């Protein structure tokens, strides 16, 4: 209880403007290299000081001073020894162990139990929340509510209840009270606080959701577009670690797209409005609700159900399509392979324009694409020059928990990097 009171006191001491926007706190303020080394240890630890010096082209003395400061601040700790030659892999975005023998070096890791955060995702008719540690690993179980009432006051009360449940999970685990709360949704949030566009909530006017949540939960709050949040999560904790640039495409009730540079989503005033929803992927495809024939909307769950209904001559749901795929029904297989080819065309369009190192594909129906990956490759190759390198594609699946971890990841980035560094590429 004393820790909780201290947190409240410090928070209000930093900004005591009741009812007004409060700045999201940073863990510490130091040189840009101090923040970047903290992030490197978070993503690639255990890692030695020698490897950090090579990574940032700094002297070992400079790295030692920085890491000593981070140790004093409680951000990192020693985690034993590792060979001097060990260094994080940079090509595929994953760390690896070297078997070469060298003088042992003290390895450093982030103190993941030092801080906790809460992430909440609003998706369609559901709000999903989870508490995480500093490495964005879930603390306890996830919590979800069905969104029955969508006016701002009732949504805030529902989100506050979710936050309280997460705080109880954190307390039960014996971890520190949360340092921040972050919410993601399909739409736009100006200044990471004010929801200006959220079609599934049917709000007619901008809502300062962050301030409303701060006043009810007494936690600093941020609000993000869900695709951008997921892109950061993948860049910091998932398949995008170490990549200079990757693209994220999601398949579900809509088609989502985000681009990441050096682990940070590329922000745009147009994000949240469906950047690639209506790109042409098949001139002979179905007509979307706007009258476009063969646009990327044909990859959505609603369109897939409608296309399958036409194929079998009766009303069918997506669940029916999936069931028939499991039973190797030819009409289902034909639609799946056509969908994979169309996705491949969309991947080629993104790859040709954005030049990513890798394309990640997620969302609730993305797992089906693993079954027709050859069709995806054919669709991509059809719109790429024969001498171009093959576009690396990774199907990251449809785990909904990641959508709740994603806003927490953005809060962690802001908290560890500070506001000036956290939302811009290097």
Protein backbone atom coordinates (compact mmCIF):
# COMPACT_ATOMS: atom_id res chain seq x y z
CA UNK A 1 0.00 0.00 0.00
CA UNK A 2 2.86 2.35 0.80
CA UNK A 3 4.38 1.74 -2.65
CA UNK A 4 1.03 2.51 -4.22
CA UNK A 5 0.73 5.76 -2.26
CA UNK A 6 4.27 6.74 -3.25
CA UNK A 7 3.51 6.05 -6.89
CA UNK A 8 0.42 8.25 -6.74
CA UNK A 9 2.32 10.99 -4.94
CA UNK A 10 5.17 10.95 -7.47
CA UNK A 11 2.77 10.89 -10.40
CA UNK A 12 0.78 13.87 -9.20
CA UNK A 13 3.95 15.68 -8.13
CA UNK A 14 5.22 15.42 -11.70
CA UNK A 15 1.99 16.84 -13.05
CA UNK A 16 -0.82 17.85 -10.71
CA UNK A 17 -3.16 19.34 -13.32
CA UNK A 18 -6.35 17.50 -12.44
CA UNK A 19 -8.45 16.77 -15.50
CA UNK A 20 -5.72 17.85 -17.94
CA UNK A 21 -3.27 15.90 -20.03
CA UNK A 22 -0.42 14.50 -17.95
CA UNK A 23 2.92 13.60 -19.44
CA UNK A 24 3.74 9.91 -19.53
CA UNK A 25 6.73 9.32 -17.21
CA UNK A 26 10.18 8.20 -18.30
CA UNK A 27 12.15 5.82 -16.09
CA UNK A 28 15.26 7.98 -16.29
CA UNK A 29 16.76 10.82 -18.31
CA UNK A 30 20.25 10.29 -19.68
CA UNK A 31 22.29 10.36 -22.89
CA UNK A 32 20.83 8.82 -26.03
CA UNK A 33 23.40 6.01 -25.80
CA UNK A 34 22.29 5.17 -22.28
CA UNK A 35 18.70 4.75 -23.44
CA UNK A 36 19.74 2.80 -26.55
CA UNK A 37 22.01 0.47 -24.61
CA UNK A 38 19.18 -0.20 -22.17
CA UNK A 39 16.96 -1.16 -25.13
CA UNK A 40 19.71 -3.35 -26.63
CA UNK A 41 20.06 -5.25 -23.36
CA UNK A 42 16.28 -5.61 -23.16
CA UNK A 43 16.06 -7.09 -26.65
CA UNK A 44 19.29 -9.10 -26.85
CA UNK A 45 20.32 -9.89 -23.29
CA UNK A 46 22.19 -11.67 -21.90
CA UNK A 47 24.83 -9.62 -23.69
CA UNK A 48 28.36 -8.62 -22.71
CA UNK A 49 29.80 -5.13 -22.47
CA UNK A 50 32.25 -6.05 -25.24
CA UNK A 51 29.38 -6.85 -27.59
CA UNK A 52 27.67 -3.58 -26.66
CA UNK A 53 30.84 -1.61 -27.38
CA UNK A 54 31.05 -3.21 -30.84
CA UNK A 55 27.36 -2.64 -31.51
CA UNK A 56 27.49 1.09 -30.76
CA UNK A 57 31.13 1.76 -31.74
CA UNK A 58 31.94 2.97 -28.23
CA UNK A 59 34.96 2.36 -26.03
CA UNK A 60 34.64 -0.32 -23.39
CA UNK A 61 35.22 2.39 -20.79
CA UNK A 62 32.23 4.38 -22.05
CA UNK A 63 30.05 1.27 -22.06
CA UNK A 64 31.16 0.40 -18.53
CA UNK A 65 30.18 3.86 -17.28
CA UNK A 66 26.78 3.62 -18.98
CA UNK A 67 26.06 0.11 -17.73
CA UNK A 68 27.17 1.05 -14.22
CA UNK A 69 24.65 3.91 -14.31
CA UNK A 70 21.93 1.55 -15.54
CA UNK A 71 22.77 -0.92 -12.79
CA UNK A 72 22.57 1.85 -10.19
CA UNK A 73 19.17 2.90 -11.58
CA UNK A 74 17.91 -0.67 -11.23
CA UNK A 75 17.39 -1.13 -14.97
CA UNK A 76 19.86 -3.98 -15.58
CA UNK A 77 21.79 -6.59 -13.63
CA UNK A 78 24.64 -9.06 -14.16
CA UNK A 79 23.51 -12.50 -15.26
CA UNK A 80 26.70 -14.56 -15.11
CA UNK A 81 29.38 -14.97 -17.74
CA UNK A 82 29.45 -15.72 -21.45
CA UNK A 83 32.31 -16.07 -24.01
CA UNK A 84 33.76 -12.79 -25.23
CA UNK A 85 32.90 -13.64 -28.84
CA UNK A 86 29.16 -13.82 -28.13
CA UNK A 87 27.16 -11.14 -29.84
CA UNK A 88 23.51 -10.84 -30.86
CA UNK A 89 22.67 -11.90 -34.39
CA UNK A 90 21.64 -9.05 -36.67
CA UNK A 91 20.59 -10.74 -39.89
CA UNK A 92 17.50 -12.68 -38.90
CA UNK A 93 16.50 -10.59 -35.93
CA UNK A 94 17.08 -13.36 -33.38
CA UNK A 95 19.86 -13.70 -30.86
CA UNK A 96 22.19 -16.68 -31.10
CA UNK A 97 24.93 -18.26 -29.06
CA UNK A 98 28.49 -18.51 -30.27
CA UNK A 99 30.47 -21.64 -29.53
CA UNK A 100 33.82 -19.92 -29.89
CA UNK A 101 35.96 -19.81 -26.81
CA UNK A 102 37.07 -16.48 -25.40
CA UNK A 103 37.76 -14.70 -22.15
CA UNK A 104 34.50 -14.82 -20.14
CA UNK A 105 32.64 -11.53 -19.89
CA UNK A 106 29.91 -10.56 -17.47
CA UNK A 107 26.59 -10.80 -19.29
CA UNK A 108 23.92 -8.18 -18.70
CA UNK A 109 20.14 -8.58 -18.69
CA UNK A 110 17.23 -6.27 -18.09
CA UNK A 111 15.58 -6.47 -14.66
CA UNK A 112 12.27 -7.59 -16.10
CA UNK A 113 10.61 -7.82 -12.69
CA UNK A 114 11.51 -4.20 -11.84
CA UNK A 115 8.48 -2.64 -13.56
CA UNK A 116 5.02 -3.69 -14.68
CA UNK A 117 2.56 -2.32 -17.24
CA UNK A 118 -1.02 -2.90 -18.31
CA UNK A 119 -2.11 -3.27 -21.94
CA UNK A 120 -5.70 -3.25 -23.19
CA UNK A 121 -6.89 -3.83 -26.74
CA UNK A 122 -10.34 -2.88 -28.00
CA UNK A 123 -11.26 -5.09 -30.93
CA UNK A 124 -14.73 -5.31 -32.40
CA UNK A 125 -17.00 -6.21 -29.52
CA UNK A 126 -14.30 -7.29 -27.07
CA UNK A 127 -11.82 -5.62 -24.74
CA UNK A 128 -8.83 -7.79 -23.79
CA UNK A 129 -6.37 -6.80 -21.04
CA UNK A 130 -3.16 -8.20 -19.63
CA UNK A 131 -0.50 -7.16 -17.14
CA UNK A 132 3.13 -7.51 -18.25
CA UNK A 133 6.61 -7.22 -16.85
CA UNK A 134 9.33 -5.07 -18.40
CA UNK A 135 9.97 -7.62 -21.16
CA UNK A 136 6.26 -7.62 -22.06
CA UNK A 137 5.72 -11.10 -20.69
CA UNK A 138 2.21 -11.60 -19.28
CA UNK A 139 1.79 -11.48 -15.52
CA UNK A 140 -1.04 -13.79 -14.46
CA UNK A 141 -3.92 -14.41 -16.82
CA UNK A 142 -5.65 -12.22 -19.39
CA UNK A 143 -9.02 -10.56 -18.76
CA UNK A 144 -11.73 -9.80 -21.29
CA UNK A 145 -15.09 -8.05 -21.35
CA UNK A 146 -17.74 -7.99 -24.02
CA UNK A 147 -18.43 -4.38 -25.07
CA UNK A 148 -22.19 -4.09 -24.55
CA UNK A 149 -22.49 -0.32 -24.17
CA UNK A 150 -20.33 1.92 -26.34
CA UNK A 151 -20.84 5.42 -25.05
CA UNK A 152 -17.59 6.92 -23.71
CA UNK A 153 -18.57 6.90 -20.02
CA UNK A 154 -19.49 3.23 -20.01
CA UNK A 155 -16.43 2.25 -22.03
CA UNK A 156 -14.20 4.07 -19.53
CA UNK A 157 -15.86 2.24 -16.62
CA UNK A 158 -15.38 -1.10 -18.36
CA UNK A 159 -11.71 -0.36 -19.11
CA UNK A 160 -11.15 0.78 -15.53
CA UNK A 161 -12.55 -2.52 -14.25
CA UNK A 162 -10.17 -4.39 -16.55
CA UNK A 163 -7.24 -2.32 -15.29
CA UNK A 164 -8.21 -3.08 -11.68
CA UNK A 165 -8.26 -6.81 -12.43
CA UNK A 166 -4.78 -6.56 -13.94
CA UNK A 167 -3.54 -4.64 -10.90
CA UNK A 168 -4.77 -7.44 -8.67
CA UNK A 169 -2.82 -9.93 -10.81
CA UNK A 170 0.32 -7.82 -10.40
CA UNK A 171 -0.17 -7.61 -6.64
CA UNK A 172 -0.78 -11.37 -6.41
CA UNK A 173 2.53 -11.96 -8.22
CA UNK A 174 4.36 -9.77 -5.71
CA UNK A 175 5.53 -7.34 -8.41
CA UNK A 176 5.68 -3.52 -8.32
CA UNK A 177 2.54 -1.53 -9.03
CA UNK A 178 2.12 -0.68 -12.73
CA UNK A 179 4.16 2.19 -14.12
CA UNK A 180 1.68 2.86 -16.89
CA UNK A 181 -1.42 1.81 -18.78
CA UNK A 182 -1.77 1.73 -22.56
CA UNK A 183 -4.82 1.13 -24.76
CA UNK A 184 -4.92 0.22 -28.45
CA UNK A 185 -7.86 0.30 -30.83
CA UNK A 186 -8.71 0.28 -34.50
CA UNK A 187 -8.70 3.95 -35.45
CA UNK A 188 -6.85 7.17 -34.69
CA UNK A 189 -5.57 8.67 -31.45
CA UNK A 190 -4.08 12.18 -31.61
CA UNK A 191 -1.09 12.85 -29.38
CA UNK A 192 -1.44 9.24 -28.16
CA UNK A 193 -4.36 10.39 -26.02
CA UNK A 194 -7.46 11.61 -27.83
CA UNK A 195 -9.54 9.16 -29.87
CA UNK A 196 -10.65 11.00 -33.00
CA UNK A 197 -11.73 8.01 -35.08
CA UNK A 198 -12.91 4.59 -33.88
CA UNK A 199 -15.65 3.35 -36.21
CA UNK A 200 -16.54 0.28 -34.15
CA UNK A 201 -17.24 2.45 -31.09
CA UNK A 202 -19.51 4.82 -33.03
CA UNK A 203 -18.22 7.90 -31.19
CA UNK A 204 -19.42 11.05 -32.93
CA UNK A 205 -16.93 13.40 -31.26
CA UNK A 206 -13.29 13.18 -30.11
CA UNK A 207 -12.85 11.54 -26.71
CA UNK A 208 -9.85 12.23 -24.46
CA UNK A 209 -9.67 8.60 -23.43
CA UNK A 210 -6.22 8.87 -21.82
CA UNK A 211 -7.28 11.65 -19.44
CA UNK A 212 -10.52 9.85 -18.57
CA UNK A 213 -8.58 6.70 -17.71
CA UNK A 214 -5.98 8.62 -15.72
CA UNK A 215 -8.69 10.21 -13.63
CA UNK A 216 -10.38 6.88 -12.89
CA UNK A 217 -7.33 4.59 -12.53
CA UNK A 218 -4.72 7.07 -11.27
CA UNK A 219 -2.21 5.65 -13.74
CA UNK A 220 -0.47 7.46 -16.60
CA UNK A 221 -2.15 6.39 -19.83
CA UNK A 222 -1.43 6.32 -23.56
CA UNK A 223 -3.74 5.42 -26.47
CA UNK A 224 -2.49 4.00 -29.78
CA UNK A 225 -3.63 2.64 -33.11
CA UNK A 226 -3.64 -1.15 -32.71
CA UNK A 227 -1.62 -1.88 -35.88
CA UNK A 228 1.14 0.51 -34.84
CA UNK A 229 1.17 -1.02 -31.37
CA UNK A 230 1.47 -4.53 -32.79
CA UNK A 231 4.27 -3.40 -35.12
CA UNK A 232 6.24 -2.08 -32.14
CA UNK A 233 5.60 -5.28 -30.19
CA UNK A 234 7.00 -7.35 -33.05
CA UNK A 235 9.95 -4.97 -33.46
CA UNK A 236 10.88 -5.06 -29.78
CA UNK A 237 9.80 -8.49 -28.61
CA UNK A 238 8.81 -10.58 -31.64
CA UNK A 239 9.76 -11.51 -35.16
CA UNK A 240 11.05 -8.04 -36.09
CA UNK A 241 13.88 -7.79 -33.55
CA UNK A 242 17.06 -6.59 -35.24
CA UNK A 243 15.46 -5.87 -38.63
CA UNK A 244 16.09 -2.47 -40.18
CA UNK A 245 12.64 -2.42 -41.79
CA UNK A 246 9.68 -4.77 -41.82
CA UNK A 247 6.07 -4.57 -42.92
CA UNK A 248 3.09 -5.95 -41.03
CA UNK A 249 -0.11 -7.08 -42.76
CA UNK A 250 -3.08 -8.34 -40.77
CA UNK A 251 -6.09 -10.30 -42.00
CA UNK A 252 -9.39 -10.33 -40.17
CA UNK A 253 -12.55 -8.27 -40.21
CA UNK A 254 -10.40 -5.71 -42.04
CA UNK A 255 -6.98 -5.57 -43.68
CA UNK A 256 -4.32 -3.82 -41.63
CA UNK A 257 -0.90 -2.49 -42.59
CA UNK A 258 1.98 -0.94 -40.68
CA UNK A 259 5.62 -0.27 -41.50
CA UNK A 260 8.42 -0.41 -38.93
CA UNK A 261 11.86 1.22 -39.10
CA UNK A 262 14.49 0.06 -36.59
CA UNK A 263 11.83 -1.39 -34.32
CA UNK A 264 9.59 1.69 -34.30
CA UNK A 265 6.37 2.06 -36.32
CA UNK A 266 6.46 4.75 -39.00
CA UNK A 267 3.76 7.18 -37.96
CA UNK A 268 1.48 8.94 -40.41
CA UNK A 269 -1.57 11.21 -40.14
CA UNK A 270 -3.33 8.62 -42.32
CA UNK A 271 -2.79 5.64 -40.01
CA UNK A 272 -5.98 3.99 -38.85
CA UNK A 273 -7.90 4.71 -42.06
CA UNK A 274 -7.13 1.48 -43.92
CA UNK A 275 -3.98 2.16 -45.92
CA UNK A 276 -4.15 -0.92 -48.17
CA UNK A 277 -7.78 -2.05 -47.76
CA UNK A 278 -8.72 -1.28 -51.34
CA UNK A 279 -5.54 -2.07 -53.27
CA UNK A 280 -6.24 -4.21 -56.33
CA UNK A 281 -5.20 -7.85 -55.85
CA UNK A 282 -7.40 -9.66 -58.40
CA UNK A 283 -9.21 -7.95 -61.32
CA UNK A 284 -11.63 -10.91 -61.42
CA UNK A 285 -12.30 -10.88 -57.67
CA UNK A 286 -15.52 -10.04 -55.80
CA UNK A 287 -16.91 -6.53 -55.50
CA UNK A 288 -16.41 -4.80 -52.13
CA UNK A 289 -18.90 -2.53 -50.34
CA UNK A 290 -17.41 0.51 -52.11
CA UNK A 291 -17.86 -1.04 -55.54
CA UNK A 292 -14.21 -1.98 -56.15
CA UNK A 293 -13.72 -5.27 -57.90
CA UNK A 294 -10.95 -7.48 -56.57
CA UNK A 295 -9.51 -5.16 -53.91
CA UNK A 296 -7.84 -6.41 -50.72
CA UNK A 297 -11.22 -6.49 -49.00
CA UNK A 298 -11.63 -9.94 -50.55
CA UNK A 299 -9.18 -11.18 -47.89
CA UNK A 300 -11.44 -10.19 -44.98
CA UNK A 301 -13.42 -12.72 -42.95
CA UNK A 302 -16.77 -11.35 -44.15
CA UNK A 303 -15.78 -11.56 -47.80
CA UNK A 304 -14.35 -15.07 -47.40
CA UNK A 305 -17.65 -16.27 -45.92
CA UNK A 306 -19.58 -14.64 -48.75
CA UNK A 307 -17.31 -16.10 -51.42
CA UNK A 308 -17.62 -19.57 -49.92
CA UNK A 309 -21.39 -19.24 -49.79
CA UNK A 310 -21.39 -18.58 -53.54
CA UNK A 311 -19.00 -21.48 -54.14
CA UNK A 312 -21.18 -24.09 -52.41
CA UNK A 313 -24.56 -22.58 -53.24
CA UNK A 314 -25.76 -22.00 -49.67
CA UNK A 315 -25.18 -19.58 -46.80
CA UNK A 316 -21.89 -20.38 -45.06
CA UNK A 317 -19.84 -18.88 -42.27
CA UNK A 318 -16.08 -18.68 -41.92
CA UNK A 319 -16.34 -21.54 -39.41
CA UNK A 320 -17.97 -23.65 -42.15
CA UNK A 321 -15.08 -22.85 -44.49
CA UNK A 322 -12.52 -23.86 -41.85
CA UNK A 323 -14.41 -27.09 -41.08
CA UNK A 324 -14.57 -28.00 -44.76
CA UNK A 325 -10.85 -27.29 -45.13
CA UNK A 326 -10.20 -29.80 -42.36
CA UNK A 327 -12.24 -32.32 -44.35
CA UNK A 328 -10.37 -31.49 -47.59
CA UNK A 329 -13.46 -30.26 -49.41
CA UNK A 330 -12.39 -29.20 -52.94
CA UNK A 331 -14.37 -25.93 -52.98
CA UNK A 332 -12.76 -24.91 -49.68
CA UNK A 333 -9.28 -25.78 -50.94
CA UNK A 334 -9.86 -23.81 -54.16
CA UNK A 335 -10.92 -20.69 -52.24
CA UNK A 336 -8.03 -21.02 -49.80
CA UNK A 337 -5.44 -21.23 -52.57
CA UNK A 338 -7.02 -18.29 -54.38
CA UNK A 339 -6.93 -16.31 -51.14
CA UNK A 340 -3.27 -17.21 -50.64
CA UNK A 341 -2.45 -16.06 -54.16
CA UNK A 342 -4.26 -12.76 -53.60
CA UNK A 343 -2.40 -12.24 -50.33
CA UNK A 344 0.85 -12.88 -52.22
CA UNK A 345 -0.08 -10.14 -54.68
CA UNK A 346 -0.66 -7.75 -51.78
CA UNK A 347 2.67 -8.74 -50.25
CA UNK A 348 4.39 -8.00 -53.59
CA UNK A 349 2.76 -4.57 -53.71
CA UNK A 350 3.98 -3.77 -50.19
CA UNK A 351 7.44 -5.21 -50.84
CA UNK A 352 7.90 -3.28 -54.10
CA UNK A 353 6.86 0.02 -52.53
CA UNK A 354 8.27 -0.19 -48.98
CA UNK A 355 11.34 -2.44 -49.58
CA UNK A 356 11.08 -4.26 -46.23
CA UNK A 357 13.57 -6.87 -45.03
CA UNK A 358 10.64 -9.10 -44.11
CA UNK A 359 6.85 -9.11 -44.28
CA UNK A 360 4.95 -10.34 -41.23
CA UNK A 361 1.38 -11.59 -41.68
CA UNK A 362 -0.92 -11.77 -38.66
CA UNK A 363 -4.56 -11.48 -37.72
CA UNK A 364 -7.35 -13.91 -36.94
CA UNK A 365 -7.30 -15.77 -40.28
CA UNK A 366 -3.59 -15.58 -41.01
CA UNK A 367 -3.00 -19.09 -39.67
CA UNK A 368 -4.89 -20.45 -42.70
CA UNK A 369 -2.16 -19.03 -44.94
CA UNK A 370 0.33 -21.56 -43.56
CA UNK A 371 -1.72 -24.20 -45.34
CA UNK A 372 -1.38 -22.50 -48.73
CA UNK A 373 2.05 -20.88 -48.42
CA UNK A 374 3.03 -22.03 -51.91
CA UNK A 375 0.07 -20.11 -53.36
CA UNK A 376 1.20 -17.06 -51.39
CA UNK A 377 4.69 -17.37 -52.90
CA UNK A 378 3.25 -17.70 -56.42
CA UNK A 379 1.16 -14.57 -55.96
CA UNK A 380 4.18 -12.62 -54.78
CA UNK A 381 6.45 -13.90 -57.55
CA UNK A 382 3.89 -12.96 -60.23
CA UNK A 383 4.40 -9.27 -59.44
CA UNK A 384 8.16 -9.26 -58.78
CA UNK A 385 11.00 -9.21 -61.32
CA UNK A 386 12.54 -12.63 -61.82
CA UNK A 387 15.92 -11.39 -60.57
CA UNK A 388 14.53 -9.84 -57.39
CA UNK A 389 15.28 -11.65 -54.14
CA UNK A 390 12.45 -13.67 -52.64
CA UNK A 391 10.49 -11.69 -50.07
CA UNK A 392 10.89 -13.31 -46.63
CA UNK A 393 7.39 -13.84 -45.24
CA UNK A 394 6.56 -14.95 -41.72
CA UNK A 395 3.05 -15.95 -40.63
CA UNK A 396 2.95 -14.81 -37.00
CA UNK A 397 -0.42 -16.35 -36.19
CA UNK A 398 -3.50 -15.03 -34.46
CA UNK A 399 -2.85 -15.07 -30.71
CA UNK A 400 -5.19 -12.39 -29.40
CA UNK A 401 -3.09 -11.97 -26.27
CA UNK A 402 -0.41 -10.30 -28.41
CA UNK A 403 -2.91 -7.56 -29.25
CA UNK A 404 -3.16 -6.73 -25.54
CA UNK A 405 0.58 -7.05 -24.99
CA UNK A 406 1.17 -4.69 -27.93
CA UNK A 407 0.00 -1.43 -26.28
CA UNK A 408 1.94 -2.42 -23.15
CA UNK A 409 5.01 -2.74 -25.41
CA UNK A 410 4.52 0.83 -26.62
CA UNK A 411 4.24 2.03 -23.02
CA UNK A 412 7.45 0.17 -22.17
CA UNK A 413 9.19 1.85 -25.11
CA UNK A 414 8.05 5.29 -23.98
CA UNK A 415 9.03 4.57 -20.38
CA UNK A 416 12.49 3.22 -21.23
CA UNK A 417 13.43 5.57 -24.06
CA UNK A 418 11.71 8.75 -22.99
CA UNK A 419 9.22 10.70 -25.13
CA UNK A 420 11.78 12.23 -27.51
CA UNK A 421 13.23 8.90 -28.66
CA UNK A 422 10.35 6.47 -28.24
CA UNK A 423 8.23 7.47 -31.21
CA UNK A 424 10.79 8.10 -33.94
CA UNK A 425 13.06 5.75 -35.89
CA UNK A 426 16.81 5.94 -35.34
